[in-house]
Amino acid sequence: MDKLKEHYTKLIQQYREIFVSVLNAMQGEINTLKEQDKIKNYLDIEVEKHIKLQRDLIIERRKNFNCAMCGACCKLAISEFSPTALLEKASRGDKFAKEFISTFTPYEHEEDAEKQFPLYIQLLKESGEKVYYYYCKKVTEDNKCSDYENRPSICRDYPDNPIQMLHPTCSFIGWHESIQKIVLTIKAMTEIREHFRKELEKGNL
């Protein structure tokens, strides 16, 4: 638990430093533009280009890592939504929810999931987030997919979320570590841009 707290403390500190750096850079650029049309163009086009470049770099770095078939993502899929909520979202046309619920089966008892992945679930609980545990019935004993050629995009693209908590055995953890600063930079740029957009609408820039 102490290690997890230490990790989050360092992450928060790093984000603060990145946020201040990005804020100063964007504020400096806006100060040189002065005219509202130019500021709007900067926020809508130039900042978006930079964010896209950062996202492309995340995808590019992902190519340096390959699945080691630990089976964790098949035997323990995590969602913030309950099975009932996923079914409801799927009925309203949510493609991700539909694919998720058609691929993964909810654990009947949380204890069953915890027996297989005690350390990982302990870390999830310590994070304070309420999550639900699922598994895929198609995974074999040697951690292979019994219907590999027809696997859904949710499996083909995993992991596609650069901020999700990966299982300790996942070979993509190195990818997560290598893009941490990039992810925090994108988050800072997105939040700061939204702030400046609101200020521009109010006529404060």
N, C-alpha and C. Protein backbone atom coordinates (compact mmCIF):
# COMPACT_ATOMS: atom_id res chain seq x y z
N MET A 1 0.82 -1.21 0.00
CA MET A 1 0.00 0.00 0.00
C MET A 1 0.86 1.26 0.00
N ASP A 2 1.96 1.23 0.78
CA ASP A 2 2.86 2.38 0.84
C ASP A 2 3.48 2.67 -0.51
N LYS A 3 3.82 1.61 -1.25
CA LYS A 3 4.42 1.78 -2.57
C LYS A 3 3.43 2.43 -3.54
N LEU A 4 2.15 2.04 -3.44
CA LEU A 4 1.13 2.61 -4.31
C LEU A 4 0.94 4.10 -4.00
N LYS A 5 0.91 4.43 -2.71
CA LYS A 5 0.76 5.82 -2.30
C LYS A 5 1.95 6.65 -2.78
N GLU A 6 3.14 6.07 -2.66
CA GLU A 6 4.35 6.76 -3.11
C GLU A 6 4.31 7.01 -4.61
N HIS A 7 3.81 6.00 -5.36
CA HIS A 7 3.69 6.13 -6.80
C HIS A 7 2.77 7.28 -7.17
N TYR A 8 1.58 7.34 -6.53
CA TYR A 8 0.62 8.39 -6.84
C TYR A 8 1.12 9.76 -6.41
N THR A 9 1.85 9.81 -5.31
CA THR A 9 2.41 11.08 -4.84
C THR A 9 3.40 11.63 -5.86
N LYS A 10 4.25 10.76 -6.37
CA LYS A 10 5.23 11.18 -7.38
C LYS A 10 4.54 11.59 -8.67
N LEU A 11 3.47 10.86 -9.01
CA LEU A 11 2.73 11.16 -10.24
C LEU A 11 2.08 12.54 -10.15
N ILE A 12 1.50 12.84 -9.00
CA ILE A 12 0.87 14.15 -8.79
C ILE A 12 1.90 15.26 -8.86
N GLN A 13 3.06 15.04 -8.24
CA GLN A 13 4.12 16.05 -8.26
C GLN A 13 4.62 16.28 -9.68
N GLN A 14 4.80 15.20 -10.42
CA GLN A 14 5.26 15.31 -11.80
C GLN A 14 4.25 16.07 -12.65
N TYR A 15 2.96 15.79 -12.41
CA TYR A 15 1.92 16.47 -13.19
C TYR A 15 1.90 17.96 -12.88
N ARG A 16 2.09 18.31 -11.63
CA ARG A 16 2.12 19.73 -11.25
C ARG A 16 3.25 20.46 -11.98
N GLU A 17 4.41 19.82 -12.02
CA GLU A 17 5.56 20.43 -12.69
C GLU A 17 5.30 20.59 -14.19
N ILE A 18 4.74 19.56 -14.80
CA ILE A 18 4.43 19.61 -16.23
C ILE A 18 3.35 20.66 -16.50
N PHE A 19 2.34 20.72 -15.63
CA PHE A 19 1.25 21.67 -15.80
C PHE A 19 1.77 23.11 -15.80
N VAL A 20 2.64 23.43 -14.85
CA VAL A 20 3.19 24.78 -14.75
C VAL A 20 4.02 25.10 -16.00
N SER A 21 4.81 24.14 -16.46
CA SER A 21 5.65 24.35 -17.63
C SER A 21 4.81 24.59 -18.88
N VAL A 22 3.77 23.77 -19.07
CA VAL A 22 2.90 23.91 -20.24
C VAL A 22 2.12 25.22 -20.16
N LEU A 23 1.63 25.55 -18.97
CA LEU A 23 0.88 26.80 -18.79
C LEU A 23 1.72 28.00 -19.16
N ASN A 24 2.96 28.04 -18.68
CA ASN A 24 3.85 29.17 -18.99
C ASN A 24 4.11 29.27 -20.49
N ALA A 25 4.32 28.12 -21.14
CA ALA A 25 4.60 28.11 -22.57
C ALA A 25 3.39 28.60 -23.37
N MET A 26 2.19 28.10 -23.03
CA MET A 26 0.99 28.49 -23.76
C MET A 26 0.61 29.94 -23.48
N GLN A 27 0.79 30.37 -22.23
CA GLN A 27 0.50 31.76 -21.88
C GLN A 27 1.43 32.70 -22.64
N GLY A 28 2.71 32.31 -22.74
CA GLY A 28 3.67 33.13 -23.47
C GLY A 28 3.31 33.25 -24.93
N GLU A 29 2.86 32.16 -25.54
CA GLU A 29 2.46 32.19 -26.94
C GLU A 29 1.23 33.07 -27.14
N ILE A 30 0.27 32.96 -26.25
CA ILE A 30 -0.95 33.76 -26.34
C ILE A 30 -0.63 35.25 -26.17
N ASN A 31 0.30 35.57 -25.30
CA ASN A 31 0.67 36.97 -25.07
C ASN A 31 1.25 37.62 -26.33
N THR A 32 1.91 36.81 -27.17
CA THR A 32 2.50 37.36 -28.39
C THR A 32 1.46 37.54 -29.50
N LEU A 33 0.36 36.81 -29.43
CA LEU A 33 -0.66 36.84 -30.49
C LEU A 33 -1.60 38.04 -30.35
N LYS A 34 -2.06 38.28 -29.14
CA LYS A 34 -2.88 39.45 -28.79
C LYS A 34 -4.27 39.44 -29.43
N GLU A 35 -4.38 39.29 -30.75
CA GLU A 35 -5.69 39.33 -31.41
C GLU A 35 -6.48 38.06 -31.13
N GLN A 36 -7.79 38.19 -30.90
CA GLN A 36 -8.63 37.07 -30.53
C GLN A 36 -8.69 35.99 -31.62
N ASP A 37 -8.75 36.40 -32.88
CA ASP A 37 -8.81 35.41 -33.97
C ASP A 37 -7.55 34.56 -34.01
N LYS A 38 -6.42 35.20 -33.78
CA LYS A 38 -5.16 34.47 -33.79
C LYS A 38 -5.05 33.54 -32.58
N ILE A 39 -5.56 34.00 -31.45
CA ILE A 39 -5.54 33.17 -30.25
C ILE A 39 -6.43 31.95 -30.44
N LYS A 40 -7.61 32.17 -31.01
CA LYS A 40 -8.53 31.06 -31.28
C LYS A 40 -7.91 30.05 -32.23
N ASN A 41 -7.26 30.55 -33.26
CA ASN A 41 -6.59 29.67 -34.23
C ASN A 41 -5.49 28.85 -33.56
N TYR A 42 -4.77 29.49 -32.66
CA TYR A 42 -3.70 28.81 -31.92
C TYR A 42 -4.27 27.69 -31.06
N LEU A 43 -5.34 27.99 -30.33
CA LEU A 43 -5.93 27.00 -29.44
C LEU A 43 -6.60 25.85 -30.21
N ASP A 44 -7.29 26.19 -31.29
CA ASP A 44 -8.05 25.18 -32.03
C ASP A 44 -7.21 24.36 -32.99
N ILE A 45 -6.18 24.97 -33.56
CA ILE A 45 -5.41 24.29 -34.61
C ILE A 45 -4.00 23.91 -34.15
N GLU A 46 -3.24 24.90 -33.69
CA GLU A 46 -1.85 24.63 -33.36
C GLU A 46 -1.70 23.71 -32.14
N VAL A 47 -2.47 23.98 -31.11
CA VAL A 47 -2.40 23.13 -29.91
C VAL A 47 -2.88 21.72 -30.23
N GLU A 48 -3.94 21.63 -31.04
CA GLU A 48 -4.46 20.31 -31.42
C GLU A 48 -3.42 19.52 -32.22
N LYS A 49 -2.66 20.19 -33.07
CA LYS A 49 -1.60 19.53 -33.83
C LYS A 49 -0.56 18.94 -32.89
N HIS A 50 -0.21 19.71 -31.87
CA HIS A 50 0.80 19.25 -30.93
C HIS A 50 0.28 18.06 -30.12
N ILE A 51 -0.98 18.12 -29.71
CA ILE A 51 -1.57 17.01 -28.97
C ILE A 51 -1.60 15.76 -29.84
N LYS A 52 -1.94 15.93 -31.11
CA LYS A 52 -1.97 14.78 -32.02
C LYS A 52 -0.59 14.16 -32.19
N LEU A 53 0.44 15.01 -32.28
CA LEU A 53 1.81 14.50 -32.40
C LEU A 53 2.18 13.67 -31.17
N GLN A 54 1.76 14.14 -30.01
CA GLN A 54 2.04 13.42 -28.77
C GLN A 54 1.31 12.07 -28.75
N ARG A 55 0.06 12.07 -29.22
CA ARG A 55 -0.71 10.83 -29.28
C ARG A 55 -0.10 9.85 -30.28
N ASP A 56 0.38 10.38 -31.40
CA ASP A 56 1.03 9.52 -32.40
C ASP A 56 2.29 8.89 -31.82
N LEU A 57 3.00 9.64 -30.99
CA LEU A 57 4.22 9.13 -30.37
C LEU A 57 3.89 7.99 -29.41
N ILE A 58 2.77 8.10 -28.71
CA ILE A 58 2.32 7.02 -27.80
C ILE A 58 2.07 5.75 -28.59
N ILE A 59 1.38 5.89 -29.72
CA ILE A 59 1.08 4.73 -30.57
C ILE A 59 2.35 4.13 -31.15
N GLU A 60 3.27 5.00 -31.55
CA GLU A 60 4.53 4.54 -32.15
C GLU A 60 5.36 3.76 -31.15
N ARG A 61 5.42 4.23 -29.92
CA ARG A 61 6.20 3.53 -28.89
C ARG A 61 5.59 2.19 -28.53
N ARG A 62 4.29 2.08 -28.69
CA ARG A 62 3.60 0.83 -28.38
C ARG A 62 4.08 -0.31 -29.28
N LYS A 63 4.54 0.05 -30.49
CA LYS A 63 5.00 -0.95 -31.45
C LYS A 63 6.26 -1.67 -30.98
N ASN A 64 6.94 -1.11 -29.98
CA ASN A 64 8.16 -1.73 -29.47
C ASN A 64 7.89 -2.83 -28.45
N PHE A 65 6.61 -3.05 -28.16
CA PHE A 65 6.25 -4.05 -27.16
C PHE A 65 5.27 -5.06 -27.74
N ASN A 66 5.40 -6.30 -27.31
CA ASN A 66 4.54 -7.37 -27.81
C ASN A 66 3.94 -8.16 -26.65
N CYS A 67 2.79 -8.74 -26.90
CA CYS A 67 2.11 -9.54 -25.89
C CYS A 67 2.95 -10.77 -25.53
N ALA A 68 3.11 -11.02 -24.23
CA ALA A 68 3.87 -12.18 -23.75
C ALA A 68 2.94 -13.31 -23.34
N MET A 69 1.65 -13.15 -23.63
CA MET A 69 0.63 -14.16 -23.35
C MET A 69 0.60 -14.60 -21.89
N CYS A 70 0.59 -13.60 -21.00
CA CYS A 70 0.46 -13.92 -19.57
C CYS A 70 -0.98 -14.29 -19.23
N GLY A 71 -1.92 -13.87 -20.08
CA GLY A 71 -3.33 -14.24 -19.89
C GLY A 71 -4.10 -13.35 -18.94
N ALA A 72 -3.43 -12.38 -18.34
CA ALA A 72 -4.10 -11.55 -17.33
C ALA A 72 -5.27 -10.76 -17.90
N CYS A 73 -5.11 -10.21 -19.09
CA CYS A 73 -6.18 -9.39 -19.66
C CYS A 73 -7.39 -10.24 -20.05
N CYS A 74 -7.19 -11.54 -20.27
CA CYS A 74 -8.29 -12.44 -20.62
C CYS A 74 -8.99 -12.95 -19.36
N LYS A 75 -8.21 -13.22 -18.35
CA LYS A 75 -8.75 -13.82 -17.12
C LYS A 75 -9.22 -12.79 -16.10
N LEU A 76 -8.84 -11.53 -16.32
CA LEU A 76 -9.28 -10.48 -15.40
C LEU A 76 -9.41 -9.16 -16.14
N ALA A 77 -10.56 -8.97 -16.76
CA ALA A 77 -10.86 -7.71 -17.42
C ALA A 77 -11.55 -6.81 -16.40
N ILE A 78 -11.21 -5.53 -16.43
CA ILE A 78 -11.73 -4.59 -15.44
C ILE A 78 -12.64 -3.57 -16.12
N SER A 79 -13.75 -3.25 -15.47
CA SER A 79 -14.63 -2.19 -15.97
C SER A 79 -15.19 -1.41 -14.79
N GLU A 80 -15.38 -0.12 -14.99
CA GLU A 80 -16.00 0.70 -13.96
C GLU A 80 -17.52 0.50 -13.94
N PHE A 81 -18.03 -0.23 -14.95
CA PHE A 81 -19.47 -0.44 -15.07
C PHE A 81 -19.87 -1.86 -14.68
N SER A 82 -20.98 -1.97 -14.00
CA SER A 82 -21.52 -3.27 -13.63
C SER A 82 -22.08 -3.96 -14.86
N PRO A 83 -22.33 -5.27 -14.81
CA PRO A 83 -22.94 -5.97 -15.95
C PRO A 83 -24.26 -5.35 -16.37
N THR A 84 -25.07 -4.96 -15.40
CA THR A 84 -26.36 -4.33 -15.71
C THR A 84 -26.18 -3.01 -16.44
N ALA A 85 -25.22 -2.21 -15.96
CA ALA A 85 -24.96 -0.91 -16.60
C ALA A 85 -24.42 -1.09 -18.02
N LEU A 86 -23.56 -2.10 -18.21
CA LEU A 86 -23.03 -2.37 -19.55
C LEU A 86 -24.13 -2.80 -20.51
N LEU A 87 -25.03 -3.65 -20.04
CA LEU A 87 -26.15 -4.09 -20.87
C LEU A 87 -27.04 -2.91 -21.26
N GLU A 88 -27.24 -2.03 -20.31
CA GLU A 88 -28.07 -0.84 -20.58
C GLU A 88 -27.40 0.06 -21.61
N LYS A 89 -26.09 0.27 -21.45
CA LYS A 89 -25.35 1.10 -22.40
C LYS A 89 -25.35 0.46 -23.78
N ALA A 90 -25.19 -0.87 -23.82
CA ALA A 90 -25.19 -1.58 -25.10
C ALA A 90 -26.54 -1.46 -25.79
N SER A 91 -27.61 -1.51 -25.03
CA SER A 91 -28.96 -1.40 -25.60
C SER A 91 -29.21 -0.02 -26.20
N ARG A 92 -28.45 0.96 -25.73
CA ARG A 92 -28.59 2.32 -26.26
C ARG A 92 -27.63 2.58 -27.42
N GLY A 93 -26.91 1.53 -27.84
CA GLY A 93 -26.05 1.66 -29.02
C GLY A 93 -24.59 1.90 -28.74
N ASP A 94 -24.17 1.79 -27.48
CA ASP A 94 -22.76 1.97 -27.14
C ASP A 94 -21.98 0.76 -27.66
N LYS A 95 -21.14 1.00 -28.68
CA LYS A 95 -20.42 -0.10 -29.34
C LYS A 95 -19.41 -0.78 -28.41
N PHE A 96 -18.70 0.03 -27.61
CA PHE A 96 -17.71 -0.56 -26.72
C PHE A 96 -18.38 -1.45 -25.68
N ALA A 97 -19.47 -0.96 -25.09
CA ALA A 97 -20.19 -1.74 -24.08
C ALA A 97 -20.72 -3.04 -24.68
N LYS A 98 -21.22 -2.95 -25.89
CA LYS A 98 -21.76 -4.14 -26.56
C LYS A 98 -20.67 -5.17 -26.80
N GLU A 99 -19.51 -4.71 -27.24
CA GLU A 99 -18.41 -5.63 -27.51
C GLU A 99 -17.86 -6.21 -26.22
N PHE A 100 -17.75 -5.37 -25.20
CA PHE A 100 -17.21 -5.83 -23.91
C PHE A 100 -18.10 -6.91 -23.30
N ILE A 101 -19.39 -6.65 -23.22
CA ILE A 101 -20.30 -7.58 -22.56
C ILE A 101 -20.49 -8.86 -23.37
N SER A 102 -20.26 -8.78 -24.68
CA SER A 102 -20.37 -9.99 -25.51
C SER A 102 -19.09 -10.81 -25.48
N THR A 103 -18.01 -10.21 -24.98
CA THR A 103 -16.72 -10.89 -24.92
C THR A 103 -16.43 -11.43 -23.51
N PHE A 104 -16.75 -10.64 -22.51
CA PHE A 104 -16.39 -11.00 -21.14
C PHE A 104 -17.60 -11.35 -20.28
N THR A 105 -17.37 -12.29 -19.38
CA THR A 105 -18.39 -12.76 -18.44
C THR A 105 -18.05 -12.25 -17.04
N PRO A 106 -19.01 -11.71 -16.31
CA PRO A 106 -18.70 -11.22 -14.97
C PRO A 106 -18.42 -12.36 -14.00
N TYR A 107 -17.44 -12.16 -13.12
CA TYR A 107 -17.20 -13.14 -12.06
C TYR A 107 -18.42 -13.15 -11.15
N GLU A 108 -18.88 -14.34 -10.82
CA GLU A 108 -20.05 -14.45 -9.95
C GLU A 108 -19.74 -13.94 -8.55
N HIS A 109 -18.51 -14.21 -8.12
CA HIS A 109 -18.07 -13.74 -6.80
C HIS A 109 -16.72 -13.06 -6.95
N GLU A 110 -16.57 -11.90 -6.33
CA GLU A 110 -15.32 -11.16 -6.41
C GLU A 110 -14.15 -11.99 -5.87
N GLU A 111 -14.44 -12.84 -4.90
CA GLU A 111 -13.40 -13.68 -4.30
C GLU A 111 -12.74 -14.61 -5.32
N ASP A 112 -13.53 -15.03 -6.33
CA ASP A 112 -12.99 -15.92 -7.37
C ASP A 112 -11.90 -15.22 -8.17
N ALA A 113 -12.12 -13.95 -8.45
CA ALA A 113 -11.12 -13.18 -9.18
C ALA A 113 -9.91 -12.92 -8.29
N GLU A 114 -10.18 -12.65 -7.03
CA GLU A 114 -9.10 -12.32 -6.10
C GLU A 114 -8.18 -13.51 -5.85
N LYS A 115 -8.71 -14.72 -5.92
CA LYS A 115 -7.89 -15.92 -5.74
C LYS A 115 -6.84 -16.04 -6.84
N GLN A 116 -7.19 -15.63 -8.06
CA GLN A 116 -6.27 -15.73 -9.19
C GLN A 116 -5.26 -14.58 -9.22
N PHE A 117 -5.72 -13.39 -8.85
CA PHE A 117 -4.86 -12.20 -8.95
C PHE A 117 -4.91 -11.38 -7.67
N PRO A 118 -4.47 -11.96 -6.54
CA PRO A 118 -4.59 -11.26 -5.25
C PRO A 118 -3.87 -9.93 -5.17
N LEU A 119 -2.61 -9.87 -5.66
CA LEU A 119 -1.83 -8.64 -5.56
C LEU A 119 -2.44 -7.54 -6.41
N TYR A 120 -2.82 -7.88 -7.61
CA TYR A 120 -3.37 -6.90 -8.55
C TYR A 120 -4.68 -6.32 -8.02
N ILE A 121 -5.55 -7.18 -7.52
CA ILE A 121 -6.84 -6.72 -7.01
C ILE A 121 -6.65 -5.88 -5.75
N GLN A 122 -5.64 -6.23 -4.97
CA GLN A 122 -5.33 -5.43 -3.78
C GLN A 122 -4.94 -4.00 -4.19
N LEU A 123 -4.13 -3.90 -5.25
CA LEU A 123 -3.72 -2.59 -5.75
C LEU A 123 -4.92 -1.80 -6.27
N LEU A 124 -5.83 -2.49 -6.96
CA LEU A 124 -7.03 -1.84 -7.47
C LEU A 124 -7.89 -1.31 -6.33
N LYS A 125 -8.01 -2.10 -5.29
CA LYS A 125 -8.80 -1.68 -4.13
C LYS A 125 -8.16 -0.48 -3.44
N GLU A 126 -6.83 -0.49 -3.37
CA GLU A 126 -6.12 0.61 -2.73
C GLU A 126 -6.26 1.91 -3.51
N SER A 127 -6.51 1.80 -4.81
CA SER A 127 -6.66 3.00 -5.63
C SER A 127 -7.95 3.73 -5.29
N GLY A 128 -8.89 3.02 -4.64
CA GLY A 128 -10.13 3.65 -4.22
C GLY A 128 -11.22 3.65 -5.27
N GLU A 129 -10.93 3.12 -6.45
CA GLU A 129 -11.93 3.09 -7.51
C GLU A 129 -12.81 1.84 -7.40
N LYS A 130 -14.12 2.02 -7.64
CA LYS A 130 -15.03 0.89 -7.65
C LYS A 130 -15.03 0.29 -9.04
N VAL A 131 -14.62 -0.97 -9.13
CA VAL A 131 -14.56 -1.63 -10.43
C VAL A 131 -15.23 -3.01 -10.34
N TYR A 132 -15.50 -3.56 -11.52
CA TYR A 132 -16.12 -4.88 -11.61
C TYR A 132 -15.18 -5.78 -12.41
N TYR A 133 -15.18 -7.07 -12.06
CA TYR A 133 -14.24 -8.02 -12.62
C TYR A 133 -14.94 -8.99 -13.59
N TYR A 134 -14.28 -9.22 -14.73
CA TYR A 134 -14.82 -10.08 -15.77
C TYR A 134 -13.73 -11.02 -16.28
N TYR A 135 -14.14 -12.03 -17.02
CA TYR A 135 -13.17 -12.95 -17.63
C TYR A 135 -13.72 -13.44 -18.96
N CYS A 136 -12.82 -13.93 -19.81
CA CYS A 136 -13.21 -14.45 -21.11
C CYS A 136 -13.21 -15.98 -21.06
N LYS A 137 -14.29 -16.56 -21.54
CA LYS A 137 -14.42 -18.02 -21.51
C LYS A 137 -13.59 -18.70 -22.61
N LYS A 138 -13.08 -17.92 -23.53
CA LYS A 138 -12.37 -18.50 -24.67
C LYS A 138 -10.87 -18.67 -24.44
N VAL A 139 -10.36 -18.20 -23.31
CA VAL A 139 -8.92 -18.33 -23.06
C VAL A 139 -8.62 -19.78 -22.65
N THR A 140 -7.53 -20.31 -23.19
CA THR A 140 -7.14 -21.69 -22.90
C THR A 140 -6.24 -21.75 -21.67
N GLU A 141 -5.90 -22.96 -21.24
CA GLU A 141 -5.06 -23.13 -20.06
C GLU A 141 -3.66 -22.56 -20.27
N ASP A 142 -3.20 -22.55 -21.52
CA ASP A 142 -1.87 -22.00 -21.80
C ASP A 142 -1.96 -20.53 -22.25
N ASN A 143 -3.04 -19.87 -21.85
CA ASN A 143 -3.24 -18.43 -22.06
C ASN A 143 -3.32 -18.02 -23.53
N LYS A 144 -3.89 -18.88 -24.34
CA LYS A 144 -4.11 -18.55 -25.74
C LYS A 144 -5.60 -18.42 -26.00
N CYS A 145 -5.93 -17.72 -27.08
CA CYS A 145 -7.34 -17.53 -27.43
C CYS A 145 -7.78 -18.68 -28.32
N SER A 146 -8.87 -19.33 -27.93
CA SER A 146 -9.36 -20.46 -28.70
C SER A 146 -10.09 -20.02 -29.97
N ASP A 147 -10.30 -18.70 -30.10
CA ASP A 147 -10.94 -18.16 -31.31
C ASP A 147 -10.16 -16.93 -31.78
N TYR A 148 -8.84 -17.10 -31.82
CA TYR A 148 -7.92 -15.99 -32.04
C TYR A 148 -8.21 -15.18 -33.31
N GLU A 149 -8.46 -15.86 -34.42
CA GLU A 149 -8.67 -15.17 -35.70
C GLU A 149 -9.92 -14.30 -35.68
N ASN A 150 -10.86 -14.63 -34.83
CA ASN A 150 -12.11 -13.87 -34.77
C ASN A 150 -12.22 -13.01 -33.52
N ARG A 151 -11.10 -12.79 -32.85
CA ARG A 151 -11.14 -12.00 -31.62
C ARG A 151 -11.58 -10.57 -31.93
N PRO A 152 -12.35 -9.96 -31.04
CA PRO A 152 -12.86 -8.60 -31.26
C PRO A 152 -11.78 -7.55 -31.13
N SER A 153 -12.08 -6.35 -31.57
CA SER A 153 -11.11 -5.26 -31.53
C SER A 153 -10.70 -4.93 -30.09
N ILE A 154 -11.58 -5.15 -29.13
CA ILE A 154 -11.26 -4.88 -27.73
C ILE A 154 -10.06 -5.71 -27.28
N CYS A 155 -9.88 -6.87 -27.93
CA CYS A 155 -8.74 -7.74 -27.63
C CYS A 155 -7.56 -7.43 -28.55
N ARG A 156 -7.86 -7.17 -29.82
CA ARG A 156 -6.80 -6.88 -30.78
C ARG A 156 -6.01 -5.63 -30.40
N ASP A 157 -6.70 -4.63 -29.87
CA ASP A 157 -6.07 -3.34 -29.59
C ASP A 157 -5.54 -3.19 -28.17
N TYR A 158 -5.73 -4.20 -27.34
CA TYR A 158 -5.31 -4.09 -25.94
C TYR A 158 -3.78 -4.07 -25.81
N PRO A 159 -3.24 -3.20 -24.94
CA PRO A 159 -3.93 -2.14 -24.21
C PRO A 159 -3.97 -0.86 -25.04
N ASP A 160 -5.12 -0.23 -25.13
CA ASP A 160 -5.25 1.00 -25.91
C ASP A 160 -5.43 2.22 -25.03
N ASN A 161 -5.46 1.99 -23.72
CA ASN A 161 -5.61 3.09 -22.77
C ASN A 161 -4.27 3.32 -22.05
N PRO A 162 -3.60 4.43 -22.34
CA PRO A 162 -2.27 4.65 -21.76
C PRO A 162 -2.26 4.98 -20.27
N ILE A 163 -3.44 5.10 -19.64
CA ILE A 163 -3.45 5.44 -18.22
C ILE A 163 -4.07 4.34 -17.36
N GLN A 164 -4.55 3.25 -17.96
CA GLN A 164 -5.14 2.20 -17.16
C GLN A 164 -4.06 1.44 -16.38
N MET A 165 -4.45 0.84 -15.27
CA MET A 165 -3.51 0.08 -14.46
C MET A 165 -3.37 -1.33 -15.03
N LEU A 166 -2.18 -1.68 -15.46
CA LEU A 166 -1.95 -3.00 -16.03
C LEU A 166 -1.54 -4.00 -14.96
N HIS A 167 -1.82 -5.26 -15.23
CA HIS A 167 -1.40 -6.32 -14.32
C HIS A 167 0.13 -6.40 -14.33
N PRO A 168 0.75 -6.70 -13.18
CA PRO A 168 2.22 -6.74 -13.09
C PRO A 168 2.89 -7.67 -14.08
N THR A 169 2.17 -8.70 -14.58
CA THR A 169 2.78 -9.63 -15.53
C THR A 169 2.68 -9.17 -16.97
N CYS A 170 1.95 -8.07 -17.21
CA CYS A 170 1.72 -7.61 -18.59
C CYS A 170 3.02 -7.05 -19.19
N SER A 171 3.35 -7.49 -20.39
CA SER A 171 4.58 -7.05 -21.04
C SER A 171 4.51 -5.61 -21.56
N PHE A 172 3.33 -4.99 -21.46
CA PHE A 172 3.18 -3.61 -21.92
C PHE A 172 3.42 -2.59 -20.81
N ILE A 173 3.81 -3.06 -19.64
CA ILE A 173 4.09 -2.13 -18.54
C ILE A 173 5.24 -1.19 -18.91
N GLY A 174 6.23 -1.71 -19.63
CA GLY A 174 7.34 -0.88 -20.07
C GLY A 174 6.86 0.25 -20.97
N TRP A 175 5.86 -0.03 -21.80
CA TRP A 175 5.26 0.99 -22.66
C TRP A 175 4.62 2.07 -21.81
N HIS A 176 3.86 1.66 -20.81
CA HIS A 176 3.23 2.62 -19.90
C HIS A 176 4.26 3.53 -19.26
N GLU A 177 5.34 2.96 -18.79
CA GLU A 177 6.37 3.74 -18.11
C GLU A 177 7.04 4.73 -19.06
N SER A 178 7.20 4.32 -20.31
CA SER A 178 7.91 5.16 -21.28
C SER A 178 7.07 6.34 -21.78
N ILE A 179 5.75 6.26 -21.62
CA ILE A 179 4.88 7.32 -22.13
C ILE A 179 4.22 8.14 -21.02
N GLN A 180 4.60 7.88 -19.78
CA GLN A 180 3.95 8.55 -18.66
C GLN A 180 4.01 10.06 -18.78
N LYS A 181 5.19 10.60 -19.09
CA LYS A 181 5.34 12.05 -19.21
C LYS A 181 4.53 12.59 -20.39
N ILE A 182 4.45 11.83 -21.47
CA ILE A 182 3.68 12.27 -22.63
C ILE A 182 2.20 12.35 -22.29
N VAL A 183 1.71 11.33 -21.59
CA VAL A 183 0.30 11.30 -21.20
C VAL A 183 -0.04 12.49 -20.30
N LEU A 184 0.83 12.78 -19.35
CA LEU A 184 0.59 13.90 -18.44
C LEU A 184 0.65 15.24 -19.19
N THR A 185 1.52 15.33 -20.19
CA THR A 185 1.61 16.54 -21.00
C THR A 185 0.34 16.77 -21.79
N ILE A 186 -0.20 15.69 -22.39
CA ILE A 186 -1.46 15.80 -23.13
C ILE A 186 -2.59 16.24 -22.21
N LYS A 187 -2.63 15.66 -21.03
CA LYS A 187 -3.67 16.02 -20.05
C LYS A 187 -3.57 17.50 -19.68
N ALA A 188 -2.35 17.97 -19.43
CA ALA A 188 -2.15 19.37 -19.07
C ALA A 188 -2.55 20.29 -20.21
N MET A 189 -2.13 19.98 -21.42
CA MET A 189 -2.45 20.82 -22.58
C MET A 189 -3.95 20.89 -22.81
N THR A 190 -4.62 19.75 -22.64
CA THR A 190 -6.07 19.70 -22.85
C THR A 190 -6.80 20.56 -21.82
N GLU A 191 -6.41 20.44 -20.56
CA GLU A 191 -7.06 21.20 -19.50
C GLU A 191 -6.78 22.70 -19.63
N ILE A 192 -5.55 23.05 -19.93
CA ILE A 192 -5.18 24.46 -20.05
C ILE A 192 -5.83 25.09 -21.27
N ARG A 193 -5.89 24.34 -22.37
CA ARG A 193 -6.56 24.87 -23.57
C ARG A 193 -8.03 25.17 -23.28
N GLU A 194 -8.69 24.27 -22.54
CA GLU A 194 -10.10 24.48 -22.21
C GLU A 194 -10.26 25.73 -21.35
N HIS A 195 -9.33 25.96 -20.45
CA HIS A 195 -9.37 27.16 -19.62
C HIS A 195 -9.25 28.42 -20.48
N PHE A 196 -8.28 28.43 -21.39
CA PHE A 196 -8.07 29.60 -22.24
C PHE A 196 -9.26 29.82 -23.20
N ARG A 197 -9.87 28.75 -23.65
CA ARG A 197 -11.05 28.88 -24.51
C ARG A 197 -12.18 29.61 -23.77
N LYS A 198 -12.39 29.24 -22.50
CA LYS A 198 -13.43 29.88 -21.71
C LYS A 198 -13.10 31.35 -21.45
N GLU A 199 -11.82 31.62 -21.22
CA GLU A 199 -11.40 32.99 -21.00
C GLU A 199 -11.58 33.82 -22.27
N LEU A 200 -11.35 33.18 -23.41
CA LEU A 200 -11.51 33.87 -24.71
C LEU A 200 -12.98 34.20 -24.94
N GLU A 201 -13.87 33.28 -24.60
CA GLU A 201 -15.30 33.51 -24.76
C GLU A 201 -15.79 34.66 -23.86
N LYS A 202 -15.17 34.78 -22.71
CA LYS A 202 -15.55 35.85 -21.77
C LYS A 202 -14.94 37.20 -22.18
N GLY A 203 -14.04 37.17 -23.16
CA GLY A 203 -13.39 38.39 -23.59
C GLY A 203 -12.23 38.81 -22.71
N ASN A 204 -11.69 37.85 -21.97
CA ASN A 204 -10.58 38.15 -21.06
C ASN A 204 -9.21 37.99 -21.68
N LEU A 205 -9.16 37.59 -22.94
CA LEU A 205 -7.86 37.44 -23.62
C LEU A 205 -7.75 38.41 -24.78
